[in-house]
């Protein structure tokens, strides 16, 4: 591939839910001459202007390898992340935290001028559900959830990184939960386990939706998140950006989607049931993540709108419905993480 006069962008985690959307958005950007996608396994997918390299950021020698791959890049977009295995927090810590530290160090060593990192709403400390918070809200996470701890810890790592590397423009995206059709099978495996039947997600098959205190959250189409990364890289922006689409989802919105009725359930009862399922290895995610879900704040996205001129093209309901339809049909994509798989 012959590079033009545009930007050269490197994307870690390029074959996952967010990575495939970011790579596609950058490949279609006329100001980007080449994209180098980094992944652990080779995909069958071959987008334009894109080459592949294979690296596991959690390996002890990853920093040296990453430094060489980053040399000459105009920006690095760091998306590599492992949610599973949730029963092996040392494995996810090695991949997510230590792997990210290797990426950040390699960015500095290679002299890359811009770093865009996918943080999360989960990095935020517990916050309100009846009003939206901006990017100044504390990023302490929820301490009992490994996912939240890792995201919050890396916010502190980036604080130090920015202090020590003032020449690097750092972008921190803090999106809500991200969905798209091609990632539906992967997300069903991550959050529902390998044996959750996709058809159970059809309207009319779930009799009721629990209405729990704090059960109000936001989602976003993954392609809209990718557009925010693209705009931030192109605009010269820096700092943190909340990303979410309206409206927030709660039991009443989900009940309409599933053609179900709403049943008020005490949080303690729901958590006890999830804890029992977790103990019996019937649940794929730990109850601590459920605790975090009930506490994460609602995001104000005004900064992304005003600084990046970003607007989501999909509503939260459209993004969630796309994921549901994808899970029902076993949809996926031609990359190893997103391989489709239907469980009847």
C-alpha atoms as a PDB file:
ATOM      1  CA  UNK A   1       0.000   0.000   0.000  1.00  0.00           C
ATOM      2  CA  UNK A   2       1.417   3.385  -1.010  1.00  0.00           C
ATOM      3  CA  UNK A   3       0.896   6.114   1.552  1.00  0.00           C
ATOM      4  CA  UNK A   4      -0.213   9.529   0.347  1.00  0.00           C
ATOM      5  CA  UNK A   5       0.253  12.870   2.004  1.00  0.00           C
ATOM      6  CA  UNK A   6      -2.466  12.284   4.589  1.00  0.00           C
ATOM      7  CA  UNK A   7      -2.252  11.039   8.127  1.00  0.00           C
ATOM      8  CA  UNK A   8      -1.040   7.624   9.216  1.00  0.00           C
ATOM      9  CA  UNK A   9      -3.143   6.256  12.069  1.00  0.00           C
ATOM     10  CA  UNK A  10      -2.493   3.151  14.179  1.00  0.00           C
ATOM     11  CA  UNK A  11      -5.450   1.454  15.879  1.00  0.00           C
ATOM     12  CA  UNK A  12      -5.051  -1.134  18.643  1.00  0.00           C
ATOM     13  CA  UNK A  13      -7.911  -3.568  19.183  1.00  0.00           C
ATOM     14  CA  UNK A  14      -8.784  -2.962  15.543  1.00  0.00           C
ATOM     15  CA  UNK A  15     -10.900  -6.095  15.026  1.00  0.00           C
ATOM     16  CA  UNK A  16     -13.375  -5.665  17.892  1.00  0.00           C
ATOM     17  CA  UNK A  17     -16.692  -3.886  18.283  1.00  0.00           C
ATOM     18  CA  UNK A  18     -15.277  -0.359  18.398  1.00  0.00           C
ATOM     19  CA  UNK A  19     -12.132  -1.095  16.410  1.00  0.00           C
ATOM     20  CA  UNK A  20     -13.917  -2.230  13.253  1.00  0.00           C
ATOM     21  CA  UNK A  21     -16.044   0.917  13.245  1.00  0.00           C
ATOM     22  CA  UNK A  22     -13.055   3.188  13.865  1.00  0.00           C
ATOM     23  CA  UNK A  23     -10.967   1.510  11.159  1.00  0.00           C
ATOM     24  CA  UNK A  24     -13.841   1.812   8.690  1.00  0.00           C
ATOM     25  CA  UNK A  25     -14.376   5.495   9.508  1.00  0.00           C
ATOM     26  CA  UNK A  26     -10.676   6.282   9.150  1.00  0.00           C
ATOM     27  CA  UNK A  27     -10.342   4.270   5.926  1.00  0.00           C
ATOM     28  CA  UNK A  28     -13.136   6.364   4.417  1.00  0.00           C
ATOM     29  CA  UNK A  29     -11.547   9.651   5.558  1.00  0.00           C
ATOM     30  CA  UNK A  30      -9.823  11.461   2.677  1.00  0.00           C
ATOM     31  CA  UNK A  31      -7.390  13.094   5.124  1.00  0.00           C
ATOM     32  CA  UNK A  32      -6.105   9.675   6.240  1.00  0.00           C
ATOM     33  CA  UNK A  33      -3.608   8.019   3.906  1.00  0.00           C
ATOM     34  CA  UNK A  34      -3.139   4.746   5.795  1.00  0.00           C
ATOM     35  CA  UNK A  35      -4.412   2.794   8.766  1.00  0.00           C
ATOM     36  CA  UNK A  36      -2.405   0.157  10.600  1.00  0.00           C
ATOM     37  CA  UNK A  37      -4.720  -2.155  12.504  1.00  0.00           C
ATOM     38  CA  UNK A  38      -3.236  -4.068  15.435  1.00  0.00           C
ATOM     39  CA  UNK A  39      -4.866  -7.268  16.697  1.00  0.00           C
ATOM     40  CA  UNK A  40      -4.004 -10.592  18.283  1.00  0.00           C
ATOM     41  CA  UNK A  41      -5.472 -12.642  15.399  1.00  0.00           C
ATOM     42  CA  UNK A  42      -5.641 -12.152  11.644  1.00  0.00           C
ATOM     43  CA  UNK A  43      -9.041 -11.079  10.267  1.00  0.00           C
ATOM     44  CA  UNK A  44     -10.484 -11.991   6.871  1.00  0.00           C
ATOM     45  CA  UNK A  45     -11.673  -8.380   6.587  1.00  0.00           C
ATOM     46  CA  UNK A  46      -9.680  -6.133   4.228  1.00  0.00           C
ATOM     47  CA  UNK A  47     -10.833  -2.494   4.360  1.00  0.00           C
ATOM     48  CA  UNK A  48      -9.226   0.040   2.027  1.00  0.00           C
ATOM     49  CA  UNK A  49      -5.982   1.813   2.987  1.00  0.00           C
ATOM     50  CA  UNK A  50      -5.538  -0.650   5.872  1.00  0.00           C
ATOM     51  CA  UNK A  51      -2.707  -3.001   6.753  1.00  0.00           C
ATOM     52  CA  UNK A  52      -2.542  -5.422   9.682  1.00  0.00           C
ATOM     53  CA  UNK A  53       0.073  -6.260  12.282  1.00  0.00           C
ATOM     54  CA  UNK A  54      -0.289  -8.763  15.081  1.00  0.00           C
ATOM     55  CA  UNK A  55       0.602  -8.036  18.672  1.00  0.00           C
ATOM     56  CA  UNK A  56      -0.744  -8.916  22.100  1.00  0.00           C
ATOM     57  CA  UNK A  57      -0.386  -5.803  24.237  1.00  0.00           C
ATOM     58  CA  UNK A  58      -0.408  -7.926  27.408  1.00  0.00           C
ATOM     59  CA  UNK A  59       2.875  -9.678  26.547  1.00  0.00           C
ATOM     60  CA  UNK A  60       6.004  -8.683  28.421  1.00  0.00           C
ATOM     61  CA  UNK A  61       7.796  -7.621  25.220  1.00  0.00           C
ATOM     62  CA  UNK A  62       4.833  -5.724  23.770  1.00  0.00           C
ATOM     63  CA  UNK A  63       6.197  -2.250  24.502  1.00  0.00           C
ATOM     64  CA  UNK A  64       9.230  -2.705  22.267  1.00  0.00           C
ATOM     65  CA  UNK A  65       7.145  -4.147  19.451  1.00  0.00           C
ATOM     66  CA  UNK A  66       4.560  -1.380  19.768  1.00  0.00           C
ATOM     67  CA  UNK A  67       7.217   1.333  19.710  1.00  0.00           C
ATOM     68  CA  UNK A  68       8.466   0.119  16.340  1.00  0.00           C
ATOM     69  CA  UNK A  69       4.933  -0.118  14.961  1.00  0.00           C
ATOM     70  CA  UNK A  70       4.091   3.387  16.182  1.00  0.00           C
ATOM     71  CA  UNK A  71       7.108   5.150  14.659  1.00  0.00           C
ATOM     72  CA  UNK A  72       6.049   7.676  12.050  1.00  0.00           C
ATOM     73  CA  UNK A  73       2.377   7.573  13.048  1.00  0.00           C
ATOM     74  CA  UNK A  74       0.379  10.782  13.326  1.00  0.00           C
ATOM     75  CA  UNK A  75      -1.899   9.280  15.969  1.00  0.00           C
ATOM     76  CA  UNK A  76      -2.562   6.098  17.928  1.00  0.00           C
ATOM     77  CA  UNK A  77      -6.124   5.085  18.777  1.00  0.00           C
ATOM     78  CA  UNK A  78      -6.029   2.688  21.723  1.00  0.00           C
ATOM     79  CA  UNK A  79      -9.060   0.401  21.860  1.00  0.00           C
ATOM     80  CA  UNK A  80      -7.620  -2.994  22.864  1.00  0.00           C
ATOM     81  CA  UNK A  81      -9.551  -4.312  25.866  1.00  0.00           C
ATOM     82  CA  UNK A  82     -10.667  -7.628  27.364  1.00  0.00           C
ATOM     83  CA  UNK A  83     -13.880  -7.960  29.373  1.00  0.00           C
ATOM     84  CA  UNK A  84     -13.631 -11.726  29.653  1.00  0.00           C
ATOM     85  CA  UNK A  85     -12.502 -13.802  31.475  1.00  0.00           C
ATOM     86  CA  UNK A  86     -14.367 -12.065  34.300  1.00  0.00           C
ATOM     87  CA  UNK A  87     -13.425 -14.919  36.633  1.00  0.00           C
ATOM     88  CA  UNK A  88      -9.734 -14.219  36.105  1.00  0.00           C
ATOM     89  CA  UNK A  89      -9.179 -10.566  37.102  1.00  0.00           C
ATOM     90  CA  UNK A  90      -5.401 -10.939  36.927  1.00  0.00           C
ATOM     91  CA  UNK A  91      -5.733 -11.802  33.236  1.00  0.00           C
ATOM     92  CA  UNK A  92      -7.858  -8.758  32.466  1.00  0.00           C
ATOM     93  CA  UNK A  93      -5.592  -6.533  34.584  1.00  0.00           C
ATOM     94  CA  UNK A  94      -2.570  -7.747  32.626  1.00  0.00           C
ATOM     95  CA  UNK A  95      -4.261  -7.093  29.291  1.00  0.00           C
ATOM     96  CA  UNK A  96      -6.183  -3.927  30.069  1.00  0.00           C
ATOM     97  CA  UNK A  97      -4.065  -2.020  32.560  1.00  0.00           C
ATOM     98  CA  UNK A  98      -0.515  -3.225  31.966  1.00  0.00           C
ATOM     99  CA  UNK A  99      -1.189  -3.542  28.248  1.00  0.00           C
ATOM    100  CA  UNK A 100      -2.457   0.040  28.127  1.00  0.00           C
ATOM    101  CA  UNK A 101       0.583   1.256  30.049  1.00  0.00           C
ATOM    102  CA  UNK A 102       2.762  -0.407  27.392  1.00  0.00           C
ATOM    103  CA  UNK A 103       0.791   1.376  24.672  1.00  0.00           C
ATOM    104  CA  UNK A 104       1.122   4.759  26.381  1.00  0.00           C
ATOM    105  CA  UNK A 105       4.853   4.322  26.926  1.00  0.00           C
ATOM    106  CA  UNK A 106       5.334   3.258  23.310  1.00  0.00           C
ATOM    107  CA  UNK A 107       3.456   6.356  22.125  1.00  0.00           C
ATOM    108  CA  UNK A 108       5.880   8.549  24.054  1.00  0.00           C
ATOM    109  CA  UNK A 109       8.967   6.584  23.000  1.00  0.00           C
ATOM    110  CA  UNK A 110       7.963   6.648  19.316  1.00  0.00           C
ATOM    111  CA  UNK A 111       7.205  10.363  19.403  1.00  0.00           C
ATOM    112  CA  UNK A 112       3.574  10.024  18.305  1.00  0.00           C
ATOM    113  CA  UNK A 113       1.916  13.456  18.557  1.00  0.00           C
ATOM    114  CA  UNK A 114      -1.626  12.290  19.401  1.00  0.00           C
ATOM    115  CA  UNK A 115      -3.191   9.529  21.498  1.00  0.00           C
ATOM    116  CA  UNK A 116      -6.920   8.764  21.530  1.00  0.00           C
ATOM    117  CA  UNK A 117      -7.989   6.339  24.260  1.00  0.00           C
ATOM    118  CA  UNK A 118     -11.332   4.624  24.801  1.00  0.00           C
ATOM    119  CA  UNK A 119     -12.231   5.165  28.435  1.00  0.00           C
ATOM    120  CA  UNK A 120     -15.829   4.548  29.529  1.00  0.00           C
ATOM    121  CA  UNK A 121     -18.808   5.786  31.484  1.00  0.00           C
ATOM    122  CA  UNK A 122     -17.685   3.066  33.910  1.00  0.00           C
ATOM    123  CA  UNK A 123     -14.678   5.204  34.854  1.00  0.00           C
ATOM    124  CA  UNK A 124     -16.955   7.671  36.596  1.00  0.00           C
ATOM    125  CA  UNK A 125     -17.734   7.587  40.297  1.00  0.00           C
ATOM    126  CA  UNK A 126     -21.377   6.887  41.200  1.00  0.00           C
ATOM    127  CA  UNK A 127     -23.563   9.749  40.104  1.00  0.00           C
ATOM    128  CA  UNK A 128     -27.092  10.979  39.562  1.00  0.00           C
ATOM    129  CA  UNK A 129     -29.694   9.339  37.350  1.00  0.00           C
ATOM    130  CA  UNK A 130     -32.051  12.311  37.201  1.00  0.00           C
ATOM    131  CA  UNK A 131     -29.596  14.805  35.716  1.00  0.00           C
ATOM    132  CA  UNK A 132     -26.581  14.581  33.411  1.00  0.00           C
ATOM    133  CA  UNK A 133     -22.972  15.047  34.503  1.00  0.00           C
ATOM    134  CA  UNK A 134     -20.164  16.551  32.438  1.00  0.00           C
ATOM    135  CA  UNK A 135     -16.534  15.499  32.069  1.00  0.00           C
ATOM    136  CA  UNK A 136     -15.499  17.136  35.354  1.00  0.00           C
ATOM    137  CA  UNK A 137     -17.281  14.433  37.404  1.00  0.00           C
ATOM    138  CA  UNK A 138     -14.776  12.358  39.433  1.00  0.00           C
ATOM    139  CA  UNK A 139     -13.401   9.278  37.680  1.00  0.00           C
ATOM    140  CA  UNK A 140     -13.085   6.942  40.658  1.00  0.00           C
ATOM    141  CA  UNK A 141     -15.184   4.129  39.210  1.00  0.00           C
ATOM    142  CA  UNK A 142     -17.063   1.601  41.341  1.00  0.00           C
ATOM    143  CA  UNK A 143     -14.401  -0.103  43.491  1.00  0.00           C
ATOM    144  CA  UNK A 144     -15.786  -3.648  43.621  1.00  0.00           C
ATOM    145  CA  UNK A 145     -16.069  -4.017  39.829  1.00  0.00           C
ATOM    146  CA  UNK A 146     -12.869  -5.047  38.050  1.00  0.00           C
ATOM    147  CA  UNK A 147     -13.963  -3.356  34.821  1.00  0.00           C
ATOM    148  CA  UNK A 148     -14.608  -0.044  36.612  1.00  0.00           C
ATOM    149  CA  UNK A 149     -11.385  -0.270  38.615  1.00  0.00           C
ATOM    150  CA  UNK A 150      -9.354  -0.793  35.458  1.00  0.00           C
ATOM    151  CA  UNK A 151     -10.967   2.109  33.631  1.00  0.00           C
ATOM    152  CA  UNK A 152     -10.585   4.427  36.631  1.00  0.00           C
ATOM    153  CA  UNK A 153      -6.972   3.393  37.240  1.00  0.00           C
ATOM    154  CA  UNK A 154      -6.053   4.215  33.642  1.00  0.00           C
ATOM    155  CA  UNK A 155      -7.532   7.686  34.047  1.00  0.00           C
ATOM    156  CA  UNK A 156      -4.914   8.260  36.747  1.00  0.00           C
ATOM    157  CA  UNK A 157      -2.209   6.761  34.536  1.00  0.00           C
ATOM    158  CA  UNK A 158      -3.176   9.189  31.777  1.00  0.00           C
ATOM    159  CA  UNK A 159      -3.070  12.091  34.238  1.00  0.00           C
ATOM    160  CA  UNK A 160       0.582  11.283  34.899  1.00  0.00           C
ATOM    161  CA  UNK A 161       1.239  10.599  31.213  1.00  0.00           C
ATOM    162  CA  UNK A 162      -0.051  14.024  30.193  1.00  0.00           C
ATOM    163  CA  UNK A 163       2.051  15.694  32.887  1.00  0.00           C
ATOM    164  CA  UNK A 164       5.194  13.880  31.733  1.00  0.00           C
ATOM    165  CA  UNK A 165       4.491  14.174  27.988  1.00  0.00           C
ATOM    166  CA  UNK A 166       3.008  17.637  27.337  1.00  0.00           C
ATOM    167  CA  UNK A 167       3.800  17.397  23.616  1.00  0.00           C
ATOM    168  CA  UNK A 168       1.328  14.517  23.173  1.00  0.00           C
ATOM    169  CA  UNK A 169      -2.273  15.517  22.495  1.00  0.00           C
ATOM    170  CA  UNK A 170      -4.394  13.147  24.600  1.00  0.00           C
ATOM    171  CA  UNK A 171      -8.060  12.448  23.854  1.00  0.00           C
ATOM    172  CA  UNK A 172     -10.159  10.484  26.341  1.00  0.00           C
ATOM    173  CA  UNK A 173     -13.455   9.223  24.994  1.00  0.00           C
ATOM    174  CA  UNK A 174     -15.937   8.217  27.710  1.00  0.00           C
ATOM    175  CA  UNK A 175     -18.769   6.494  25.852  1.00  0.00           C
ATOM    176  CA  UNK A 176     -21.897   4.824  27.142  1.00  0.00           C
ATOM    177  CA  UNK A 177     -22.500   1.163  26.243  1.00  0.00           C
ATOM    178  CA  UNK A 178     -21.857   0.672  22.520  1.00  0.00           C
ATOM    179  CA  UNK A 179     -23.874  -1.592  20.246  1.00  0.00           C
ATOM    180  CA  UNK A 180     -24.116  -2.510  16.574  1.00  0.00           C
ATOM    181  CA  UNK A 181     -25.500  -5.461  14.629  1.00  0.00           C
ATOM    182  CA  UNK A 182     -22.101  -6.950  13.735  1.00  0.00           C
ATOM    183  CA  UNK A 183     -21.035  -7.079  17.395  1.00  0.00           C
ATOM    184  CA  UNK A 184     -24.240  -8.708  18.657  1.00  0.00           C
ATOM    185  CA  UNK A 185     -22.942 -12.284  18.794  1.00  0.00           C
ATOM    186  CA  UNK A 186     -19.774 -11.196  20.591  1.00  0.00           C
ATOM    187  CA  UNK A 187     -21.727  -9.182  23.140  1.00  0.00           C
ATOM    188  CA  UNK A 188     -24.169 -12.024  23.735  1.00  0.00           C
ATOM    189  CA  UNK A 189     -21.184 -14.288  24.472  1.00  0.00           C
ATOM    190  CA  UNK A 190     -19.526 -11.689  26.731  1.00  0.00           C
ATOM    191  CA  UNK A 191     -22.559 -10.722  28.780  1.00  0.00           C
ATOM    192  CA  UNK A 192     -24.878 -13.706  28.390  1.00  0.00           C
ATOM    193  CA  UNK A 193     -22.481 -16.614  28.074  1.00  0.00           C
ATOM    194  CA  UNK A 194     -22.083 -19.077  25.227  1.00  0.00           C
ATOM    195  CA  UNK A 195     -25.425 -20.740  25.739  1.00  0.00           C
ATOM    196  CA  UNK A 196     -27.856 -17.820  26.040  1.00  0.00           C
ATOM    197  CA  UNK A 197     -30.329 -18.423  23.205  1.00  0.00           C
ATOM    198  CA  UNK A 198     -30.513 -15.480  20.831  1.00  0.00           C
ATOM    199  CA  UNK A 199     -34.242 -16.008  20.104  1.00  0.00           C
ATOM    200  CA  UNK A 200     -35.101 -15.373  23.768  1.00  0.00           C
ATOM    201  CA  UNK A 201     -34.392 -11.712  23.046  1.00  0.00           C
ATOM    202  CA  UNK A 202     -37.391 -11.461  20.711  1.00  0.00           C
ATOM    203  CA  UNK A 203     -40.313  -9.253  21.759  1.00  0.00           C
ATOM    204  CA  UNK A 204     -43.001 -11.223  23.547  1.00  0.00           C
ATOM    205  CA  UNK A 205     -40.764 -13.976  24.906  1.00  0.00           C
ATOM    206  CA  UNK A 206     -39.691 -12.120  28.044  1.00  0.00           C
ATOM    207  CA  UNK A 207     -42.803 -11.786  30.236  1.00  0.00           C
ATOM    208  CA  UNK A 208     -41.540  -8.913  32.373  1.00  0.00           C
ATOM    209  CA  UNK A 209     -38.724  -6.413  32.841  1.00  0.00           C
ATOM    210  CA  UNK A 210     -37.484  -5.684  36.377  1.00  0.00           C
ATOM    211  CA  UNK A 211     -37.789  -2.084  37.513  1.00  0.00           C
ATOM    212  CA  UNK A 212     -34.870  -1.630  39.889  1.00  0.00           C
ATOM    213  CA  UNK A 213     -33.760   1.482  41.769  1.00  0.00           C
ATOM    214  CA  UNK A 214     -31.005   3.028  39.656  1.00  0.00           C
ATOM    215  CA  UNK A 215     -31.790   0.978  36.548  1.00  0.00           C
ATOM    216  CA  UNK A 216     -31.305   3.790  34.027  1.00  0.00           C
ATOM    217  CA  UNK A 217     -28.437   3.775  31.563  1.00  0.00           C
ATOM    218  CA  UNK A 218     -27.334   5.120  28.189  1.00  0.00           C
ATOM    219  CA  UNK A 219     -26.248   3.434  24.980  1.00  0.00           C
ATOM    220  CA  UNK A 220     -24.696   4.513  21.710  1.00  0.00           C
ATOM    221  CA  UNK A 221     -24.292   3.052  18.241  1.00  0.00           C
ATOM    222  CA  UNK A 222     -20.673   2.021  17.790  1.00  0.00           C
ATOM    223  CA  UNK A 223     -20.444   3.793  14.434  1.00  0.00           C
ATOM    224  CA  UNK A 224     -21.409   7.054  16.155  1.00  0.00           C
ATOM    225  CA  UNK A 225     -18.617   6.539  18.682  1.00  0.00           C
ATOM    226  CA  UNK A 226     -16.201   5.935  15.803  1.00  0.00           C
ATOM    227  CA  UNK A 227     -17.277   9.185  14.198  1.00  0.00           C
ATOM    228  CA  UNK A 228     -16.379  11.010  17.424  1.00  0.00           C
ATOM    229  CA  UNK A 229     -12.872   9.508  17.349  1.00  0.00           C
ATOM    230  CA  UNK A 230     -12.503  10.559  13.713  1.00  0.00           C
ATOM    231  CA  UNK A 231     -13.648  14.120  14.425  1.00  0.00           C
ATOM    232  CA  UNK A 232     -11.391  14.464  17.460  1.00  0.00           C
ATOM    233  CA  UNK A 233      -8.320  13.326  15.534  1.00  0.00           C
ATOM    234  CA  UNK A 234      -9.103  15.669  12.652  1.00  0.00           C
ATOM    235  CA  UNK A 235      -9.958  18.718  14.753  1.00  0.00           C
ATOM    236  CA  UNK A 236      -6.920  18.929  17.001  1.00  0.00           C
ATOM    237  CA  UNK A 237      -9.150  18.593  20.064  1.00  0.00           C
ATOM    238  CA  UNK A 238      -7.900  17.167  23.344  1.00  0.00           C
ATOM    239  CA  UNK A 239      -9.282  16.228  26.728  1.00  0.00           C
ATOM    240  CA  UNK A 240     -12.265  14.115  27.747  1.00  0.00           C
ATOM    241  CA  UNK A 241     -15.525  13.704  25.840  1.00  0.00           C
ATOM    242  CA  UNK A 242     -18.727  12.033  27.009  1.00  0.00           C
ATOM    243  CA  UNK A 243     -20.560  10.113  24.280  1.00  0.00           C
ATOM    244  CA  UNK A 244     -24.149   8.870  24.459  1.00  0.00           C
ATOM    245  CA  UNK A 245     -27.341   8.945  22.413  1.00  0.00           C
ATOM    246  CA  UNK A 246     -30.817   9.877  23.609  1.00  0.00           C
ATOM    247  CA  UNK A 247     -32.933   8.685  25.281  1.00  0.00           C
ATOM    248  CA  UNK A 248     -31.628   6.953  28.416  1.00  0.00           C
ATOM    249  CA  UNK A 249     -32.961   3.404  28.702  1.00  0.00           C
ATOM    250  CA  UNK A 250     -34.889   2.172  31.725  1.00  0.00           C
ATOM    251  CA  UNK A 251     -37.349  -0.586  32.559  1.00  0.00           C
ATOM    252  CA  UNK A 252     -40.257   1.180  30.870  1.00  0.00           C
ATOM    253  CA  UNK A 253     -38.387   1.755  27.591  1.00  0.00           C
ATOM    254  CA  UNK A 254     -37.142  -1.850  27.575  1.00  0.00           C
ATOM    255  CA  UNK A 255     -40.618  -3.155  28.353  1.00  0.00           C
ATOM    256  CA  UNK A 256     -41.903  -1.475  25.199  1.00  0.00           C
ATOM    257  CA  UNK A 257     -39.083  -2.991  23.144  1.00  0.00           C
ATOM    258  CA  UNK A 258     -39.713  -6.492  24.508  1.00  0.00           C
ATOM    259  CA  UNK A 259     -43.499  -6.183  24.620  1.00  0.00           C
ATOM    260  CA  UNK A 260     -43.303  -7.022  28.315  1.00  0.00           C
ATOM    261  CA  UNK A 261     -44.704  -5.615  31.515  1.00  0.00           C
ATOM    262  CA  UNK A 262     -42.741  -3.769  34.185  1.00  0.00           C
ATOM    263  CA  UNK A 263     -42.422  -5.387  37.597  1.00  0.00           C
ATOM    264  CA  UNK A 264     -40.928  -3.502  40.514  1.00  0.00           C
ATOM    265  CA  UNK A 265     -38.126  -5.604  42.050  1.00  0.00           C
ATOM    266  CA  UNK A 266     -35.957  -4.687  45.061  1.00  0.00           C
ATOM    267  CA  UNK A 267     -32.312  -4.388  44.057  1.00  0.00           C
ATOM    268  CA  UNK A 268     -31.296  -6.786  46.847  1.00  0.00           C
ATOM    269  CA  UNK A 269     -33.521  -9.513  45.429  1.00  0.00           C
ATOM    270  CA  UNK A 270     -32.157  -9.089  41.903  1.00  0.00           C
ATOM    271  CA  UNK A 271     -28.579  -9.048  43.154  1.00  0.00           C
ATOM    272  CA  UNK A 272     -29.097 -12.193  45.244  1.00  0.00           C
ATOM    273  CA  UNK A 273     -30.441 -14.000  42.193  1.00  0.00           C
ATOM    274  CA  UNK A 274     -27.498 -12.859  40.077  1.00  0.00           C
ATOM    275  CA  UNK A 275     -25.035 -13.825  42.816  1.00  0.00           C
ATOM    276  CA  UNK A 276     -26.530 -17.308  42.964  1.00  0.00           C
ATOM    277  CA  UNK A 277     -26.323 -17.648  39.171  1.00  0.00           C
ATOM    278  CA  UNK A 278     -22.722 -16.423  39.269  1.00  0.00           C
ATOM    279  CA  UNK A 279     -21.838 -18.931  41.970  1.00  0.00           C
ATOM    280  CA  UNK A 280     -23.377 -21.736  39.900  1.00  0.00           C
ATOM    281  CA  UNK A 281     -21.502 -20.517  36.795  1.00  0.00           C
ATOM    282  CA  UNK A 282     -24.781 -19.779  35.040  1.00  0.00           C
ATOM    283  CA  UNK A 283     -24.015 -16.055  34.692  1.00  0.00           C
ATOM    284  CA  UNK A 284     -21.226 -14.680  32.515  1.00  0.00           C
ATOM    285  CA  UNK A 285     -20.769 -11.412  34.396  1.00  0.00           C
ATOM    286  CA  UNK A 286     -20.256 -10.924  38.143  1.00  0.00           C
ATOM    287  CA  UNK A 287     -22.785  -9.237  40.438  1.00  0.00           C
ATOM    288  CA  UNK A 288     -20.297  -6.420  41.033  1.00  0.00           C
ATOM    289  CA  UNK A 289     -20.860  -5.253  37.451  1.00  0.00           C
ATOM    290  CA  UNK A 290     -24.590  -5.190  38.192  1.00  0.00           C
ATOM    291  CA  UNK A 291     -23.825  -3.015  41.229  1.00  0.00           C
ATOM    292  CA  UNK A 292     -21.903  -0.620  38.993  1.00  0.00           C
ATOM    293  CA  UNK A 293     -24.698  -0.459  36.406  1.00  0.00           C
ATOM    294  CA  UNK A 294     -27.116   0.798  39.052  1.00  0.00           C
ATOM    295  CA  UNK A 295     -24.688   3.553  40.051  1.00  0.00           C
ATOM    296  CA  UNK A 296     -23.160   4.894  36.829  1.00  0.00           C
ATOM    297  CA  UNK A 297     -24.244   8.465  36.088  1.00  0.00           C
ATOM    298  CA  UNK A 298     -26.133   9.841  33.114  1.00  0.00           C
ATOM    299  CA  UNK A 299     -23.784  11.640  30.703  1.00  0.00           C
ATOM    300  CA  UNK A 300     -23.993  15.182  29.378  1.00  0.00           C
ATOM    301  CA  UNK A 301     -22.564  15.194  25.824  1.00  0.00           C
ATOM    302  CA  UNK A 302     -22.549  18.957  25.233  1.00  0.00           C
ATOM    303  CA  UNK A 303     -18.750  19.131  25.027  1.00  0.00           C
ATOM    304  CA  UNK A 304     -18.652  16.627  22.161  1.00  0.00           C
ATOM    305  CA  UNK A 305     -21.406  18.577  20.411  1.00  0.00           C
ATOM    306  CA  UNK A 306     -19.750  21.983  20.753  1.00  0.00           C
ATOM    307  CA  UNK A 307     -16.053  21.094  20.395  1.00  0.00           C
ATOM    308  CA  UNK A 308     -16.242  18.209  17.904  1.00  0.00           C
ATOM    309  CA  UNK A 309     -19.514  19.196  16.175  1.00  0.00           C
ATOM    310  CA  UNK A 310     -20.602  15.633  16.865  1.00  0.00           C
ATOM    311  CA  UNK A 311     -24.167  14.364  16.818  1.00  0.00           C
ATOM    312  CA  UNK A 312     -25.190  10.698  17.014  1.00  0.00           C
ATOM    313  CA  UNK A 313     -26.889   9.498  13.842  1.00  0.00           C
ATOM    314  CA  UNK A 314     -28.769   6.769  15.730  1.00  0.00           C
ATOM    315  CA  UNK A 315     -30.979   7.012  18.781  1.00  0.00           C
ATOM    316  CA  UNK A 316     -30.277   4.816  21.774  1.00  0.00           C
ATOM    317  CA  UNK A 317     -33.367   2.762  20.951  1.00  0.00           C
ATOM    318  CA  UNK A 318     -32.192   2.214  17.373  1.00  0.00           C
ATOM    319  CA  UNK A 319     -28.752   1.084  18.569  1.00  0.00           C
ATOM    320  CA  UNK A 320     -30.226  -1.277  21.158  1.00  0.00           C
ATOM    321  CA  UNK A 321     -32.733  -2.724  18.680  1.00  0.00           C
ATOM    322  CA  UNK A 322     -29.948  -3.309  16.173  1.00  0.00           C
ATOM    323  CA  UNK A 323     -28.048  -5.307  18.791  1.00  0.00           C
ATOM    324  CA  UNK A 324     -31.168  -7.318  19.660  1.00  0.00           C
ATOM    325  CA  UNK A 325     -31.864  -8.184  16.029  1.00  0.00           C
ATOM    326  CA  UNK A 326     -28.219  -9.115  15.543  1.00  0.00           C
ATOM    327  CA  UNK A 327     -28.266 -11.418  18.550  1.00  0.00           C
ATOM    328  CA  UNK A 328     -31.463 -13.079  17.403  1.00  0.00           C
ATOM    329  CA  UNK A 329     -29.979 -13.857  14.007  1.00  0.00           C
ATOM    330  CA  UNK A 330     -26.455 -14.683  15.132  1.00  0.00           C
ATOM    331  CA  UNK A 331     -24.969 -11.813  13.135  1.00  0.00           C
ATOM    332  CA  UNK A 332     -21.265 -11.072  13.223  1.00  0.00           C
ATOM    333  CA  UNK A 333     -18.388  -9.877  11.063  1.00  0.00           C
ATOM    334  CA  UNK A 334     -15.296 -11.377   9.424  1.00  0.00           C
ATOM    335  CA  UNK A 335     -12.948 -10.732  12.337  1.00  0.00           C
ATOM    336  CA  UNK A 336     -12.201 -13.283  15.090  1.00  0.00           C
ATOM    337  CA  UNK A 337     -13.802 -11.341  17.974  1.00  0.00           C
ATOM    338  CA  UNK A 338     -16.979 -10.587  16.020  1.00  0.00           C
ATOM    339  CA  UNK A 339     -17.594 -14.007  14.496  1.00  0.00           C
ATOM    340  CA  UNK A 340     -21.312 -14.650  14.254  1.00  0.00           C
ATOM    341  CA  UNK A 341     -22.852 -17.523  16.159  1.00  0.00           C
ATOM    342  CA  UNK A 342     -26.501 -18.356  16.564  1.00  0.00           C
ATOM    343  CA  UNK A 343     -27.702 -20.324  19.602  1.00  0.00           C
ATOM    344  CA  UNK A 344     -31.189 -21.620  18.920  1.00  0.00           C
END
